[in-house]
Amino acid sequence: MGNATDTLIGWSLTVALLACLLGFIWGGALVGIGNNTERPDMAARGKRSMLWSCVAAGGIGAVFGLVGAFYNLARG
């Protein structure tokens, strides 16, 4: 890929994965707070947040791989 394209995709991937990591950490904090304060609804939201953060990170990785594969396929 071109230098500008590589930079753009690299930064986009980095920012998106950092957002997933922050969502996972925030979900873990919600689980901890929810369990310690006997608020099961908060703990359940934290668990969902952690799950969806992992799903999103996997999706981002798959999309990045597909974009690279199709770009290289188009170039020949």
N, C-alpha and C. Protein backbone atom coordinates (compact mmCIF):
# COMPACT_ATOMS: atom_id res chain seq x y z
N MET A 1 0.84 -1.17 0.00
CA MET A 1 0.00 0.00 0.00
C MET A 1 0.88 1.24 0.00
N GLY A 2 0.29 2.34 -0.36
CA GLY A 2 1.04 3.58 -0.39
C GLY A 2 1.38 4.07 1.00
N ASN A 3 2.34 4.95 1.08
CA ASN A 3 2.81 5.43 2.38
C ASN A 3 1.70 6.14 3.15
N ALA A 4 0.94 7.02 2.48
CA ALA A 4 -0.15 7.74 3.15
C ALA A 4 -1.26 6.77 3.58
N THR A 5 -1.55 5.80 2.74
CA THR A 5 -2.58 4.83 3.06
C THR A 5 -2.16 3.97 4.25
N ASP A 6 -0.91 3.56 4.25
CA ASP A 6 -0.40 2.77 5.39
C ASP A 6 -0.50 3.55 6.69
N THR A 7 -0.15 4.83 6.63
CA THR A 7 -0.21 5.66 7.83
C THR A 7 -1.64 5.81 8.32
N LEU A 8 -2.55 6.09 7.41
CA LEU A 8 -3.96 6.27 7.78
C LEU A 8 -4.55 4.99 8.37
N ILE A 9 -4.32 3.88 7.73
CA ILE A 9 -4.86 2.61 8.22
C ILE A 9 -4.20 2.23 9.55
N GLY A 10 -2.92 2.46 9.66
CA GLY A 10 -2.22 2.14 10.91
C GLY A 10 -2.75 2.94 12.09
N TRP A 11 -2.93 4.25 11.89
CA TRP A 11 -3.46 5.08 12.98
C TRP A 11 -4.90 4.72 13.29
N SER A 12 -5.70 4.45 12.26
CA SER A 12 -7.09 4.07 12.49
C SER A 12 -7.18 2.77 13.29
N LEU A 13 -6.35 1.82 12.92
CA LEU A 13 -6.33 0.54 13.63
C LEU A 13 -5.90 0.73 15.08
N THR A 14 -4.87 1.54 15.29
CA THR A 14 -4.37 1.78 16.64
C THR A 14 -5.42 2.45 17.52
N VAL A 15 -6.06 3.49 17.00
CA VAL A 15 -7.07 4.21 17.77
C VAL A 15 -8.26 3.30 18.08
N ALA A 16 -8.70 2.52 17.10
CA ALA A 16 -9.84 1.64 17.31
C ALA A 16 -9.53 0.56 18.35
N LEU A 17 -8.35 -0.01 18.29
CA LEU A 17 -8.00 -1.05 19.27
C LEU A 17 -7.79 -0.45 20.65
N LEU A 18 -7.27 0.77 20.74
CA LEU A 18 -7.17 1.43 22.05
C LEU A 18 -8.55 1.71 22.63
N ALA A 19 -9.51 2.08 21.78
CA ALA A 19 -10.88 2.29 22.25
C ALA A 19 -11.46 0.98 22.78
N CYS A 20 -11.18 -0.12 22.10
CA CYS A 20 -11.64 -1.43 22.58
C CYS A 20 -11.00 -1.78 23.91
N LEU A 21 -9.71 -1.49 24.04
CA LEU A 21 -9.02 -1.77 25.30
C LEU A 21 -9.60 -0.94 26.44
N LEU A 22 -9.86 0.34 26.18
CA LEU A 22 -10.46 1.19 27.22
C LEU A 22 -11.86 0.70 27.59
N GLY A 23 -12.62 0.26 26.60
CA GLY A 23 -13.95 -0.30 26.89
C GLY A 23 -13.85 -1.56 27.73
N PHE A 24 -12.86 -2.39 27.46
CA PHE A 24 -12.66 -3.61 28.25
C PHE A 24 -12.27 -3.26 29.69
N ILE A 25 -11.37 -2.30 29.84
CA ILE A 25 -10.95 -1.88 31.19
C ILE A 25 -12.12 -1.27 31.94
N TRP A 26 -12.89 -0.42 31.27
CA TRP A 26 -14.06 0.20 31.91
C TRP A 26 -15.07 -0.88 32.31
N GLY A 27 -15.28 -1.87 31.46
CA GLY A 27 -16.18 -2.97 31.81
C GLY A 27 -15.69 -3.74 33.02
N GLY A 28 -14.38 -3.97 33.10
CA GLY A 28 -13.83 -4.64 34.28
C GLY A 28 -14.04 -3.84 35.55
N ALA A 29 -13.91 -2.51 35.42
CA ALA A 29 -14.16 -1.65 36.58
C ALA A 29 -15.63 -1.72 37.00
N LEU A 30 -16.53 -1.74 36.03
CA LEU A 30 -17.95 -1.86 36.35
C LEU A 30 -18.26 -3.18 37.05
N VAL A 31 -17.64 -4.25 36.58
CA VAL A 31 -17.85 -5.55 37.23
C VAL A 31 -17.37 -5.50 38.67
N GLY A 32 -16.18 -4.96 38.88
CA GLY A 32 -15.65 -4.88 40.23
C GLY A 32 -16.50 -4.03 41.15
N ILE A 33 -16.90 -2.87 40.67
CA ILE A 33 -17.74 -1.98 41.49
C ILE A 33 -19.10 -2.60 41.73
N GLY A 34 -19.68 -3.19 40.69
CA GLY A 34 -21.00 -3.81 40.83
C GLY A 34 -21.01 -4.96 41.81
N ASN A 35 -19.95 -5.77 41.79
CA ASN A 35 -19.89 -6.89 42.73
C ASN A 35 -19.66 -6.42 44.16
N ASN A 36 -18.86 -5.40 44.34
CA ASN A 36 -18.55 -4.93 45.70
C ASN A 36 -19.68 -4.12 46.32
N THR A 37 -20.52 -3.51 45.50
CA THR A 37 -21.62 -2.70 46.04
C THR A 37 -22.96 -3.43 45.94
N GLU A 38 -22.91 -4.71 45.62
CA GLU A 38 -24.11 -5.53 45.50
C GLU A 38 -25.11 -4.94 44.51
N ARG A 39 -24.62 -4.54 43.36
CA ARG A 39 -25.47 -4.04 42.28
C ARG A 39 -25.26 -4.95 41.07
N PRO A 40 -26.04 -6.03 40.98
CA PRO A 40 -25.83 -6.99 39.90
C PRO A 40 -26.08 -6.41 38.51
N ASP A 41 -26.94 -5.39 38.40
CA ASP A 41 -27.18 -4.79 37.10
C ASP A 41 -25.93 -4.10 36.56
N MET A 42 -25.17 -3.46 37.45
CA MET A 42 -23.93 -2.80 37.03
C MET A 42 -22.89 -3.85 36.62
N ALA A 43 -22.80 -4.93 37.37
CA ALA A 43 -21.86 -6.00 37.03
C ALA A 43 -22.22 -6.63 35.69
N ALA A 44 -23.51 -6.81 35.44
CA ALA A 44 -23.94 -7.39 34.16
C ALA A 44 -23.60 -6.47 33.00
N ARG A 45 -23.79 -5.16 33.19
CA ARG A 45 -23.41 -4.20 32.13
C ARG A 45 -21.91 -4.24 31.88
N GLY A 46 -21.13 -4.38 32.94
CA GLY A 46 -19.68 -4.48 32.78
C GLY A 46 -19.27 -5.72 32.02
N LYS A 47 -19.93 -6.84 32.30
CA LYS A 47 -19.62 -8.08 31.58
C LYS A 47 -19.97 -7.96 30.11
N ARG A 48 -21.12 -7.33 29.81
CA ARG A 48 -21.49 -7.11 28.41
C ARG A 48 -20.49 -6.19 27.72
N SER A 49 -20.05 -5.17 28.42
CA SER A 49 -19.07 -4.25 27.87
C SER A 49 -17.76 -4.96 27.53
N MET A 50 -17.33 -5.82 28.43
CA MET A 50 -16.10 -6.56 28.19
C MET A 50 -16.26 -7.51 27.00
N LEU A 51 -17.40 -8.17 26.91
CA LEU A 51 -17.65 -9.09 25.80
C LEU A 51 -17.66 -8.35 24.47
N TRP A 52 -18.39 -7.24 24.40
CA TRP A 52 -18.49 -6.50 23.14
C TRP A 52 -17.19 -5.82 22.76
N SER A 53 -16.37 -5.48 23.73
CA SER A 53 -15.05 -4.92 23.43
C SER A 53 -14.17 -5.98 22.75
N CYS A 54 -14.25 -7.21 23.24
CA CYS A 54 -13.49 -8.30 22.61
C CYS A 54 -14.01 -8.60 21.21
N VAL A 55 -15.32 -8.60 21.04
CA VAL A 55 -15.91 -8.85 19.72
C VAL A 55 -15.50 -7.75 18.75
N ALA A 56 -15.55 -6.51 19.20
CA ALA A 56 -15.17 -5.39 18.34
C ALA A 56 -13.70 -5.46 17.96
N ALA A 57 -12.84 -5.82 18.89
CA ALA A 57 -11.41 -5.93 18.58
C ALA A 57 -11.17 -7.03 17.54
N GLY A 58 -11.86 -8.15 17.69
CA GLY A 58 -11.74 -9.22 16.68
C GLY A 58 -12.25 -8.78 15.32
N GLY A 59 -13.36 -8.06 15.30
CA GLY A 59 -13.90 -7.54 14.04
C GLY A 59 -12.97 -6.55 13.39
N ILE A 60 -12.35 -5.69 14.18
CA ILE A 60 -11.41 -4.72 13.63
C ILE A 60 -10.21 -5.43 13.01
N GLY A 61 -9.71 -6.44 13.70
CA GLY A 61 -8.59 -7.21 13.15
C GLY A 61 -8.96 -7.92 11.86
N ALA A 62 -10.16 -8.47 11.80
CA ALA A 62 -10.60 -9.17 10.59
C ALA A 62 -10.76 -8.19 9.43
N VAL A 63 -11.34 -7.04 9.69
CA VAL A 63 -11.53 -6.04 8.63
C VAL A 63 -10.18 -5.55 8.12
N PHE A 64 -9.24 -5.31 9.03
CA PHE A 64 -7.91 -4.86 8.62
C PHE A 64 -7.25 -5.90 7.71
N GLY A 65 -7.37 -7.17 8.07
CA GLY A 65 -6.81 -8.23 7.25
C GLY A 65 -7.49 -8.33 5.89
N LEU A 66 -8.82 -8.18 5.87
CA LEU A 66 -9.54 -8.24 4.59
C LEU A 66 -9.20 -7.07 3.69
N VAL A 67 -9.08 -5.89 4.25
CA VAL A 67 -8.71 -4.72 3.44
C VAL A 67 -7.34 -4.93 2.81
N GLY A 68 -6.39 -5.39 3.60
CA GLY A 68 -5.06 -5.66 3.06
C GLY A 68 -5.07 -6.74 1.99
N ALA A 69 -5.85 -7.79 2.21
CA ALA A 69 -5.90 -8.89 1.24
C ALA A 69 -6.53 -8.44 -0.07
N PHE A 70 -7.64 -7.72 0.00
CA PHE A 70 -8.29 -7.26 -1.22
C PHE A 70 -7.45 -6.20 -1.94
N TYR A 71 -6.75 -5.37 -1.19
CA TYR A 71 -5.88 -4.37 -1.82
C TYR A 71 -4.75 -5.06 -2.59
N ASN A 72 -4.13 -6.06 -1.96
CA ASN A 72 -3.06 -6.79 -2.64
C ASN A 72 -3.59 -7.60 -3.80
N LEU A 73 -4.79 -8.12 -3.68
CA LEU A 73 -5.40 -8.88 -4.78
C LEU A 73 -5.67 -7.97 -5.98
N ALA A 74 -6.11 -6.75 -5.72
CA ALA A 74 -6.41 -5.82 -6.80
C ALA A 74 -5.12 -5.35 -7.50
N ARG A 75 -4.04 -5.29 -6.74
CA ARG A 75 -2.77 -4.85 -7.34
C ARG A 75 -2.14 -5.94 -8.19
N GLY A 76 -2.51 -7.17 -7.93
CA GLY A 76 -2.01 -8.27 -8.75
C GLY A 76 -0.87 -8.98 -8.19
